[in-house]
Amino acid sequence: MDEIINKVAQSALTTIDLENYYPQGETAVFDLKDHLFMELILKEKDFRAGLLTTDWEQYRDKNVAIICSADAIVPIWAYMLVASYLEPVARFYAFGDEDFVQKTLFLKNLGSIDPQQFQDQRVVVKGCGDKSITEAAYVEITRLLRPVAKSIMYGEPCSTVPVYKKK
């Protein structure tokens, strides 16, 4: 009887699972609308007083999306002031909705990868998983790997789609 050989295991492919870089932690929203007079007008004295009485502990160790859902003119310093209050408690914060915060964190996490560890390697970027991975993450990993990898493939080691091959 012929021996069954696992060619995938012998192929010297390096697999990257982007789920390992998925943002961790809960995301909360800080909406400036709730701190505006009639949810439309920023009165500096009232705004500052409202921030002083805000329970900032509710944002402890969370990723915070800073938004203003009202169609109001908000001065830039107001967002900066909110950020200054979030700094000591939040895990991460950014101006933008929850989706923007998740994408930003994902790209930040991918930035921790040292591309040199994939020098001249055949890399498979895993394509299926339990979490939804954005296109931005796949583009970013390609940007990181393209200068160093011997080849980049998408999918699973047993069924890949070629993306790049060094000539």
N, C-alpha and C. Protein backbone atom coordinates (compact mmCIF):
# COMPACT_ATOMS: atom_id res chain seq x y z
N MET A 1 0.85 -1.17 0.00
CA MET A 1 0.00 0.00 0.00
C MET A 1 0.89 1.24 0.00
N ASP A 2 0.52 2.24 -0.79
CA ASP A 2 1.29 3.47 -0.86
C ASP A 2 1.09 4.29 0.42
N GLU A 3 2.19 4.90 0.86
CA GLU A 3 2.14 5.75 2.04
C GLU A 3 1.51 7.09 1.66
N ILE A 4 0.63 7.60 2.53
CA ILE A 4 0.02 8.90 2.29
C ILE A 4 0.96 9.98 2.81
N ILE A 5 1.29 10.91 1.94
CA ILE A 5 2.22 11.97 2.30
C ILE A 5 1.46 13.28 2.39
N ASN A 6 1.64 13.97 3.51
CA ASN A 6 1.01 15.27 3.70
C ASN A 6 1.92 16.34 3.08
N LYS A 7 1.63 16.69 1.84
CA LYS A 7 2.47 17.66 1.14
C LYS A 7 2.32 19.07 1.71
N VAL A 8 1.16 19.36 2.27
CA VAL A 8 0.95 20.67 2.88
C VAL A 8 1.90 20.84 4.07
N ALA A 9 2.01 19.81 4.90
CA ALA A 9 2.89 19.89 6.07
C ALA A 9 4.36 20.00 5.67
N GLN A 10 4.71 19.45 4.52
CA GLN A 10 6.10 19.48 4.07
C GLN A 10 6.44 20.71 3.23
N SER A 11 5.48 21.55 2.96
CA SER A 11 5.65 22.63 2.00
C SER A 11 6.42 23.85 2.51
N ALA A 12 6.72 23.92 3.76
CA ALA A 12 7.45 25.05 4.35
C ALA A 12 6.71 26.37 4.15
N LEU A 13 5.40 26.30 4.31
CA LEU A 13 4.59 27.51 4.24
C LEU A 13 4.46 28.10 5.64
N THR A 14 4.47 29.42 5.72
CA THR A 14 4.22 30.11 6.97
C THR A 14 2.83 30.70 6.89
N THR A 15 1.98 30.37 7.87
CA THR A 15 0.61 30.87 7.86
C THR A 15 0.47 32.02 8.84
N ILE A 16 -0.18 33.08 8.38
CA ILE A 16 -0.52 34.20 9.26
C ILE A 16 -2.04 34.21 9.41
N ASP A 17 -2.49 34.14 10.65
CA ASP A 17 -3.91 34.20 10.95
C ASP A 17 -4.20 35.61 11.47
N LEU A 18 -4.88 36.42 10.67
CA LEU A 18 -5.15 37.80 11.06
C LEU A 18 -6.04 37.90 12.29
N GLU A 19 -6.76 36.83 12.62
CA GLU A 19 -7.58 36.85 13.83
C GLU A 19 -6.73 37.07 15.08
N ASN A 20 -5.45 36.68 15.01
CA ASN A 20 -4.55 36.88 16.15
C ASN A 20 -4.28 38.36 16.42
N TYR A 21 -4.60 39.21 15.46
CA TYR A 21 -4.36 40.64 15.59
C TYR A 21 -5.66 41.43 15.73
N TYR A 22 -6.75 40.70 15.90
CA TYR A 22 -8.06 41.33 16.02
C TYR A 22 -8.09 42.17 17.30
N PRO A 23 -8.69 43.36 17.25
CA PRO A 23 -8.73 44.21 18.44
C PRO A 23 -9.41 43.54 19.63
N GLN A 24 -8.83 43.72 20.78
CA GLN A 24 -9.35 43.15 22.01
C GLN A 24 -10.11 44.22 22.79
N GLY A 25 -11.02 43.79 23.61
CA GLY A 25 -11.71 44.70 24.52
C GLY A 25 -13.01 45.25 23.95
N GLU A 26 -13.78 45.77 24.87
CA GLU A 26 -15.08 46.34 24.55
C GLU A 26 -14.91 47.75 23.98
N THR A 27 -15.81 48.12 23.07
CA THR A 27 -15.80 49.47 22.52
C THR A 27 -17.02 50.23 23.03
N ALA A 28 -16.78 51.44 23.52
CA ALA A 28 -17.85 52.32 24.00
C ALA A 28 -17.86 53.58 23.14
N VAL A 29 -18.95 54.30 23.18
CA VAL A 29 -19.08 55.54 22.41
C VAL A 29 -19.24 56.71 23.38
N PHE A 30 -18.46 57.76 23.14
CA PHE A 30 -18.65 59.03 23.84
C PHE A 30 -19.23 60.00 22.82
N ASP A 31 -20.50 60.37 23.01
CA ASP A 31 -21.20 61.25 22.07
C ASP A 31 -21.26 62.66 22.66
N LEU A 32 -20.60 63.60 22.01
CA LEU A 32 -20.60 64.98 22.48
C LEU A 32 -22.01 65.58 22.50
N LYS A 33 -22.88 65.06 21.68
CA LYS A 33 -24.26 65.57 21.62
C LYS A 33 -24.88 65.64 23.01
N ASP A 34 -24.59 64.66 23.83
CA ASP A 34 -25.16 64.60 25.17
C ASP A 34 -24.66 65.70 26.09
N HIS A 35 -23.63 66.42 25.66
CA HIS A 35 -23.04 67.47 26.49
C HIS A 35 -23.23 68.86 25.89
N LEU A 36 -24.13 68.95 24.91
CA LEU A 36 -24.42 70.22 24.26
C LEU A 36 -25.75 70.78 24.75
N PHE A 37 -25.85 72.09 24.79
CA PHE A 37 -27.09 72.76 25.15
C PHE A 37 -28.11 72.47 24.05
N MET A 38 -29.26 71.91 24.45
CA MET A 38 -30.31 71.51 23.50
C MET A 38 -29.77 70.56 22.43
N GLU A 39 -28.70 69.85 22.76
CA GLU A 39 -28.03 68.90 21.86
C GLU A 39 -27.57 69.54 20.56
N LEU A 40 -27.37 70.87 20.57
CA LEU A 40 -26.97 71.58 19.37
C LEU A 40 -25.88 72.61 19.56
N ILE A 41 -25.79 73.19 20.75
CA ILE A 41 -24.90 74.33 20.95
C ILE A 41 -23.90 74.01 22.06
N LEU A 42 -22.64 74.25 21.79
CA LEU A 42 -21.63 74.06 22.82
C LEU A 42 -21.44 75.38 23.56
N LYS A 43 -21.80 75.36 24.83
CA LYS A 43 -21.52 76.49 25.71
C LYS A 43 -20.33 76.07 26.54
N GLU A 44 -19.22 76.77 26.36
CA GLU A 44 -17.95 76.32 26.94
C GLU A 44 -18.04 76.06 28.43
N LYS A 45 -18.58 76.99 29.20
CA LYS A 45 -18.63 76.83 30.65
C LYS A 45 -19.44 75.59 31.04
N ASP A 46 -20.62 75.43 30.41
CA ASP A 46 -21.47 74.27 30.71
C ASP A 46 -20.83 72.96 30.24
N PHE A 47 -20.18 73.02 29.07
CA PHE A 47 -19.52 71.84 28.53
C PHE A 47 -18.42 71.36 29.47
N ARG A 48 -17.57 72.28 29.90
CA ARG A 48 -16.49 71.93 30.83
C ARG A 48 -17.05 71.40 32.15
N ALA A 49 -18.10 72.03 32.65
CA ALA A 49 -18.72 71.58 33.91
C ALA A 49 -19.29 70.17 33.74
N GLY A 50 -19.91 69.92 32.59
CA GLY A 50 -20.47 68.59 32.33
C GLY A 50 -19.40 67.51 32.27
N LEU A 51 -18.26 67.84 31.68
CA LEU A 51 -17.17 66.86 31.61
C LEU A 51 -16.60 66.59 33.00
N LEU A 52 -16.55 67.62 33.84
CA LEU A 52 -16.05 67.43 35.20
C LEU A 52 -16.93 66.46 36.00
N THR A 53 -18.22 66.45 35.71
CA THR A 53 -19.12 65.58 36.47
C THR A 53 -19.37 64.24 35.79
N THR A 54 -18.77 64.02 34.64
CA THR A 54 -18.93 62.75 33.93
C THR A 54 -18.21 61.63 34.68
N ASP A 55 -18.84 60.47 34.75
CA ASP A 55 -18.22 59.30 35.37
C ASP A 55 -17.30 58.66 34.33
N TRP A 56 -16.05 59.04 34.35
CA TRP A 56 -15.08 58.56 33.36
C TRP A 56 -14.72 57.10 33.59
N GLU A 57 -15.01 56.57 34.77
CA GLU A 57 -14.71 55.16 35.06
C GLU A 57 -15.49 54.21 34.15
N GLN A 58 -16.61 54.66 33.60
CA GLN A 58 -17.38 53.82 32.70
C GLN A 58 -16.59 53.49 31.42
N TYR A 59 -15.52 54.23 31.18
CA TYR A 59 -14.68 54.00 30.00
C TYR A 59 -13.38 53.27 30.34
N ARG A 60 -13.23 52.86 31.58
CA ARG A 60 -12.00 52.21 32.02
C ARG A 60 -11.72 50.97 31.19
N ASP A 61 -10.51 50.91 30.63
CA ASP A 61 -10.01 49.78 29.85
C ASP A 61 -10.86 49.46 28.61
N LYS A 62 -11.61 50.43 28.13
CA LYS A 62 -12.42 50.23 26.93
C LYS A 62 -11.79 51.00 25.77
N ASN A 63 -12.14 50.59 24.57
CA ASN A 63 -11.80 51.35 23.37
C ASN A 63 -12.95 52.31 23.16
N VAL A 64 -12.66 53.59 23.00
CA VAL A 64 -13.72 54.59 22.96
C VAL A 64 -13.75 55.30 21.62
N ALA A 65 -14.94 55.33 21.05
CA ALA A 65 -15.19 56.08 19.82
C ALA A 65 -15.77 57.43 20.23
N ILE A 66 -15.10 58.50 19.84
CA ILE A 66 -15.57 59.85 20.16
C ILE A 66 -16.31 60.37 18.93
N ILE A 67 -17.59 60.70 19.13
CA ILE A 67 -18.41 61.20 18.02
C ILE A 67 -19.25 62.38 18.48
N CYS A 68 -19.88 63.03 17.52
CA CYS A 68 -20.96 63.97 17.80
C CYS A 68 -22.06 63.64 16.80
N SER A 69 -23.11 62.99 17.28
CA SER A 69 -24.17 62.52 16.40
C SER A 69 -25.16 63.62 16.03
N ALA A 70 -25.03 64.79 16.66
CA ALA A 70 -25.90 65.91 16.31
C ALA A 70 -25.26 66.71 15.18
N ASP A 71 -26.09 67.37 14.42
CA ASP A 71 -25.60 68.24 13.35
C ASP A 71 -25.27 69.59 13.97
N ALA A 72 -24.18 69.62 14.72
CA ALA A 72 -23.78 70.82 15.46
C ALA A 72 -22.37 71.20 15.07
N ILE A 73 -22.08 72.47 15.21
CA ILE A 73 -20.71 72.94 14.99
C ILE A 73 -19.98 72.83 16.32
N VAL A 74 -18.99 71.96 16.34
CA VAL A 74 -18.24 71.70 17.57
C VAL A 74 -16.80 72.14 17.34
N PRO A 75 -16.28 72.99 18.21
CA PRO A 75 -14.88 73.41 18.04
C PRO A 75 -13.92 72.24 18.30
N ILE A 76 -12.81 72.26 17.61
CA ILE A 76 -11.82 71.18 17.71
C ILE A 76 -11.37 70.96 19.15
N TRP A 77 -11.19 72.04 19.91
CA TRP A 77 -10.69 71.90 21.27
C TRP A 77 -11.62 71.04 22.13
N ALA A 78 -12.92 70.99 21.79
CA ALA A 78 -13.85 70.18 22.58
C ALA A 78 -13.51 68.69 22.49
N TYR A 79 -13.15 68.25 21.28
CA TYR A 79 -12.73 66.85 21.11
C TYR A 79 -11.42 66.60 21.85
N MET A 80 -10.54 67.57 21.80
CA MET A 80 -9.26 67.44 22.51
C MET A 80 -9.49 67.34 24.01
N LEU A 81 -10.44 68.13 24.51
CA LEU A 81 -10.74 68.11 25.95
C LEU A 81 -11.28 66.74 26.37
N VAL A 82 -12.18 66.18 25.56
CA VAL A 82 -12.70 64.84 25.85
C VAL A 82 -11.55 63.83 25.86
N ALA A 83 -10.66 63.94 24.87
CA ALA A 83 -9.51 63.02 24.81
C ALA A 83 -8.64 63.14 26.06
N SER A 84 -8.49 64.35 26.56
CA SER A 84 -7.65 64.53 27.76
C SER A 84 -8.26 63.85 28.98
N TYR A 85 -9.58 63.77 29.03
CA TYR A 85 -10.24 63.05 30.13
C TYR A 85 -10.17 61.54 29.93
N LEU A 86 -10.21 61.09 28.69
CA LEU A 86 -10.17 59.65 28.42
C LEU A 86 -8.78 59.05 28.59
N GLU A 87 -7.76 59.87 28.38
CA GLU A 87 -6.38 59.36 28.40
C GLU A 87 -6.04 58.49 29.62
N PRO A 88 -6.35 58.91 30.83
CA PRO A 88 -5.94 58.08 31.96
C PRO A 88 -6.77 56.81 32.18
N VAL A 89 -7.92 56.69 31.51
CA VAL A 89 -8.79 55.54 31.81
C VAL A 89 -9.00 54.59 30.63
N ALA A 90 -9.11 55.12 29.43
CA ALA A 90 -9.46 54.29 28.27
C ALA A 90 -8.25 53.49 27.80
N ARG A 91 -8.52 52.32 27.26
CA ARG A 91 -7.47 51.49 26.65
C ARG A 91 -6.98 52.17 25.38
N PHE A 92 -7.94 52.69 24.61
CA PHE A 92 -7.65 53.37 23.35
C PHE A 92 -8.84 54.27 23.05
N TYR A 93 -8.59 55.37 22.36
CA TYR A 93 -9.69 56.23 21.93
C TYR A 93 -9.30 56.90 20.63
N ALA A 94 -10.34 57.23 19.85
CA ALA A 94 -10.11 57.92 18.58
C ALA A 94 -11.39 58.63 18.18
N PHE A 95 -11.25 59.65 17.36
CA PHE A 95 -12.41 60.31 16.80
C PHE A 95 -12.93 59.46 15.65
N GLY A 96 -14.19 59.09 15.73
CA GLY A 96 -14.80 58.27 14.70
C GLY A 96 -15.75 57.29 15.34
N ASP A 97 -16.53 56.62 14.51
CA ASP A 97 -17.50 55.67 15.03
C ASP A 97 -16.82 54.36 15.46
N GLU A 98 -17.62 53.44 15.98
CA GLU A 98 -17.08 52.18 16.50
C GLU A 98 -16.33 51.40 15.42
N ASP A 99 -16.86 51.42 14.21
CA ASP A 99 -16.22 50.71 13.10
C ASP A 99 -14.83 51.30 12.82
N PHE A 100 -14.74 52.62 12.84
CA PHE A 100 -13.46 53.27 12.60
C PHE A 100 -12.45 52.90 13.70
N VAL A 101 -12.91 52.89 14.94
CA VAL A 101 -12.02 52.53 16.06
C VAL A 101 -11.51 51.10 15.89
N GLN A 102 -12.40 50.18 15.51
CA GLN A 102 -11.99 48.78 15.31
C GLN A 102 -10.96 48.66 14.20
N LYS A 103 -11.20 49.33 13.07
CA LYS A 103 -10.26 49.28 11.95
C LYS A 103 -8.91 49.89 12.34
N THR A 104 -8.96 51.01 13.05
CA THR A 104 -7.73 51.67 13.48
C THR A 104 -6.92 50.77 14.40
N LEU A 105 -7.60 50.14 15.36
CA LEU A 105 -6.91 49.23 16.27
C LEU A 105 -6.33 48.03 15.55
N PHE A 106 -7.08 47.50 14.59
CA PHE A 106 -6.61 46.35 13.81
C PHE A 106 -5.32 46.72 13.08
N LEU A 107 -5.32 47.87 12.42
CA LEU A 107 -4.12 48.30 11.70
C LEU A 107 -2.97 48.57 12.66
N LYS A 108 -3.28 49.12 13.81
CA LYS A 108 -2.25 49.35 14.83
C LYS A 108 -1.65 48.01 15.29
N ASN A 109 -2.49 47.02 15.50
CA ASN A 109 -2.01 45.69 15.92
C ASN A 109 -1.15 45.06 14.83
N LEU A 110 -1.55 45.20 13.57
CA LEU A 110 -0.75 44.66 12.47
C LEU A 110 0.60 45.37 12.39
N GLY A 111 0.63 46.63 12.79
CA GLY A 111 1.88 47.39 12.79
C GLY A 111 2.91 46.83 13.76
N SER A 112 2.48 45.98 14.68
CA SER A 112 3.44 45.38 15.63
C SER A 112 4.21 44.22 15.00
N ILE A 113 3.82 43.81 13.80
CA ILE A 113 4.50 42.71 13.12
C ILE A 113 5.84 43.19 12.59
N ASP A 114 6.87 42.40 12.82
CA ASP A 114 8.18 42.67 12.23
C ASP A 114 8.24 41.93 10.90
N PRO A 115 8.12 42.66 9.78
CA PRO A 115 8.10 41.98 8.47
C PRO A 115 9.36 41.15 8.19
N GLN A 116 10.48 41.52 8.80
CA GLN A 116 11.74 40.81 8.55
C GLN A 116 11.67 39.34 8.95
N GLN A 117 10.77 38.99 9.86
CA GLN A 117 10.64 37.58 10.25
C GLN A 117 10.08 36.73 9.11
N PHE A 118 9.58 37.38 8.06
CA PHE A 118 9.03 36.65 6.91
C PHE A 118 9.93 36.77 5.68
N GLN A 119 11.17 37.19 5.92
CA GLN A 119 12.13 37.36 4.83
C GLN A 119 12.26 36.06 4.03
N ASP A 120 12.04 36.15 2.73
CA ASP A 120 12.18 35.03 1.78
C ASP A 120 11.34 33.80 2.14
N GLN A 121 10.23 34.02 2.81
CA GLN A 121 9.34 32.91 3.15
C GLN A 121 8.13 32.89 2.24
N ARG A 122 7.54 31.72 2.13
CA ARG A 122 6.28 31.55 1.41
C ARG A 122 5.18 31.68 2.45
N VAL A 123 4.40 32.75 2.34
CA VAL A 123 3.43 33.09 3.38
C VAL A 123 2.00 32.92 2.87
N VAL A 124 1.20 32.25 3.69
CA VAL A 124 -0.23 32.13 3.43
C VAL A 124 -0.96 32.99 4.45
N VAL A 125 -1.74 33.93 3.96
CA VAL A 125 -2.58 34.74 4.85
C VAL A 125 -3.92 34.02 4.92
N LYS A 126 -4.22 33.52 6.12
CA LYS A 126 -5.43 32.71 6.33
C LYS A 126 -6.66 33.50 5.93
N GLY A 127 -7.56 32.83 5.23
CA GLY A 127 -8.71 33.51 4.67
C GLY A 127 -10.03 33.30 5.37
N CYS A 128 -10.18 32.24 6.12
CA CYS A 128 -11.46 31.95 6.77
C CYS A 128 -11.26 31.91 8.27
N GLY A 129 -12.29 32.29 8.97
CA GLY A 129 -12.20 32.25 10.42
C GLY A 129 -13.52 32.59 11.07
N ASP A 130 -13.48 32.76 12.37
CA ASP A 130 -14.68 33.04 13.14
C ASP A 130 -15.01 34.52 13.20
N LYS A 131 -14.01 35.39 12.95
CA LYS A 131 -14.21 36.83 13.06
C LYS A 131 -14.18 37.46 11.67
N SER A 132 -14.90 38.54 11.55
CA SER A 132 -14.94 39.27 10.28
C SER A 132 -13.68 40.15 10.18
N ILE A 133 -12.88 39.88 9.17
CA ILE A 133 -11.65 40.63 8.95
C ILE A 133 -11.89 41.59 7.78
N THR A 134 -11.58 42.86 7.99
CA THR A 134 -11.84 43.86 6.95
C THR A 134 -10.82 43.79 5.83
N GLU A 135 -11.21 44.33 4.71
CA GLU A 135 -10.32 44.43 3.56
C GLU A 135 -9.07 45.22 3.91
N ALA A 136 -9.25 46.23 4.77
CA ALA A 136 -8.11 47.07 5.17
C ALA A 136 -7.00 46.24 5.81
N ALA A 137 -7.38 45.23 6.58
CA ALA A 137 -6.38 44.38 7.24
C ALA A 137 -5.62 43.54 6.21
N TYR A 138 -6.32 43.01 5.22
CA TYR A 138 -5.66 42.21 4.19
C TYR A 138 -4.74 43.07 3.32
N VAL A 139 -5.17 44.29 3.04
CA VAL A 139 -4.31 45.20 2.28
C VAL A 139 -3.07 45.55 3.09
N GLU A 140 -3.24 45.79 4.39
CA GLU A 140 -2.11 46.17 5.24
C GLU A 140 -1.11 45.03 5.38
N ILE A 141 -1.57 43.80 5.56
CA ILE A 141 -0.63 42.69 5.69
C ILE A 141 0.13 42.48 4.38
N THR A 142 -0.53 42.72 3.26
CA THR A 142 0.14 42.63 1.96
C THR A 142 1.21 43.72 1.84
N ARG A 143 0.87 44.92 2.29
CA ARG A 143 1.83 46.03 2.26
C ARG A 143 3.07 45.70 3.10
N LEU A 144 2.84 45.08 4.24
CA LEU A 144 3.96 44.73 5.12
C LEU A 144 4.82 43.60 4.55
N LEU A 145 4.18 42.60 3.94
CA LEU A 145 4.90 41.41 3.49
C LEU A 145 5.53 41.54 2.12
N ARG A 146 4.95 42.31 1.24
CA ARG A 146 5.38 42.38 -0.16
C ARG A 146 6.88 42.66 -0.32
N PRO A 147 7.48 43.57 0.43
CA PRO A 147 8.91 43.82 0.23
C PRO A 147 9.83 42.68 0.68
N VAL A 148 9.35 41.77 1.52
CA VAL A 148 10.25 40.77 2.10
C VAL A 148 9.92 39.32 1.76
N ALA A 149 8.67 39.00 1.57
CA ALA A 149 8.27 37.60 1.38
C ALA A 149 8.66 37.08 0.00
N LYS A 150 8.93 35.79 -0.04
CA LYS A 150 9.20 35.12 -1.32
C LYS A 150 7.91 35.02 -2.12
N SER A 151 6.82 34.70 -1.42
CA SER A 151 5.51 34.67 -2.05
C SER A 151 4.44 34.93 -0.99
N ILE A 152 3.31 35.44 -1.48
CA ILE A 152 2.16 35.68 -0.61
C ILE A 152 0.97 34.99 -1.26
N MET A 153 0.26 34.23 -0.44
CA MET A 153 -0.94 33.54 -0.90
C MET A 153 -2.07 33.82 0.07
N TYR A 154 -3.28 33.68 -0.42
CA TYR A 154 -4.47 33.88 0.40
C TYR A 154 -5.24 32.57 0.48
N GLY A 155 -5.78 32.28 1.65
CA GLY A 155 -6.61 31.09 1.80
C GLY A 155 -6.13 30.18 2.90
N GLU A 156 -6.17 28.89 2.60
CA GLU A 156 -5.70 27.86 3.51
C GLU A 156 -4.54 27.14 2.84
N PRO A 157 -3.59 26.59 3.60
CA PRO A 157 -2.44 25.93 2.98
C PRO A 157 -2.81 24.86 1.95
N CYS A 158 -3.96 24.23 2.11
CA CYS A 158 -4.36 23.19 1.16
C CYS A 158 -5.04 23.76 -0.08
N SER A 159 -5.41 25.02 -0.04
CA SER A 159 -6.12 25.64 -1.17
C SER A 159 -5.87 27.14 -1.15
N THR A 160 -4.85 27.58 -1.86
CA THR A 160 -4.47 28.98 -1.81
C THR A 160 -4.69 29.68 -3.14
N VAL A 161 -4.81 30.99 -3.05
CA VAL A 161 -4.87 31.84 -4.23
C VAL A 161 -3.57 32.65 -4.23
N PRO A 162 -2.77 32.54 -5.29
CA PRO A 162 -1.52 33.30 -5.33
C PRO A 162 -1.80 34.80 -5.41
N VAL A 163 -1.06 35.57 -4.62
CA VAL A 163 -1.19 37.02 -4.61
C VAL A 163 0.06 37.67 -5.16
N TYR A 164 1.23 37.16 -4.73
CA TYR A 164 2.51 37.74 -5.14
C TYR A 164 3.57 36.66 -5.13
N LYS A 165 4.47 36.73 -6.11
CA LYS A 165 5.62 35.84 -6.13
C LYS A 165 6.83 36.64 -6.59
N LYS A 166 7.89 36.58 -5.77
CA LYS A 166 9.13 37.29 -6.10
C LYS A 166 9.75 36.65 -7.34
N LYS A 167 10.21 37.49 -8.24
CA LYS A 167 10.81 36.99 -9.50
C LYS A 167 12.31 36.86 -9.39
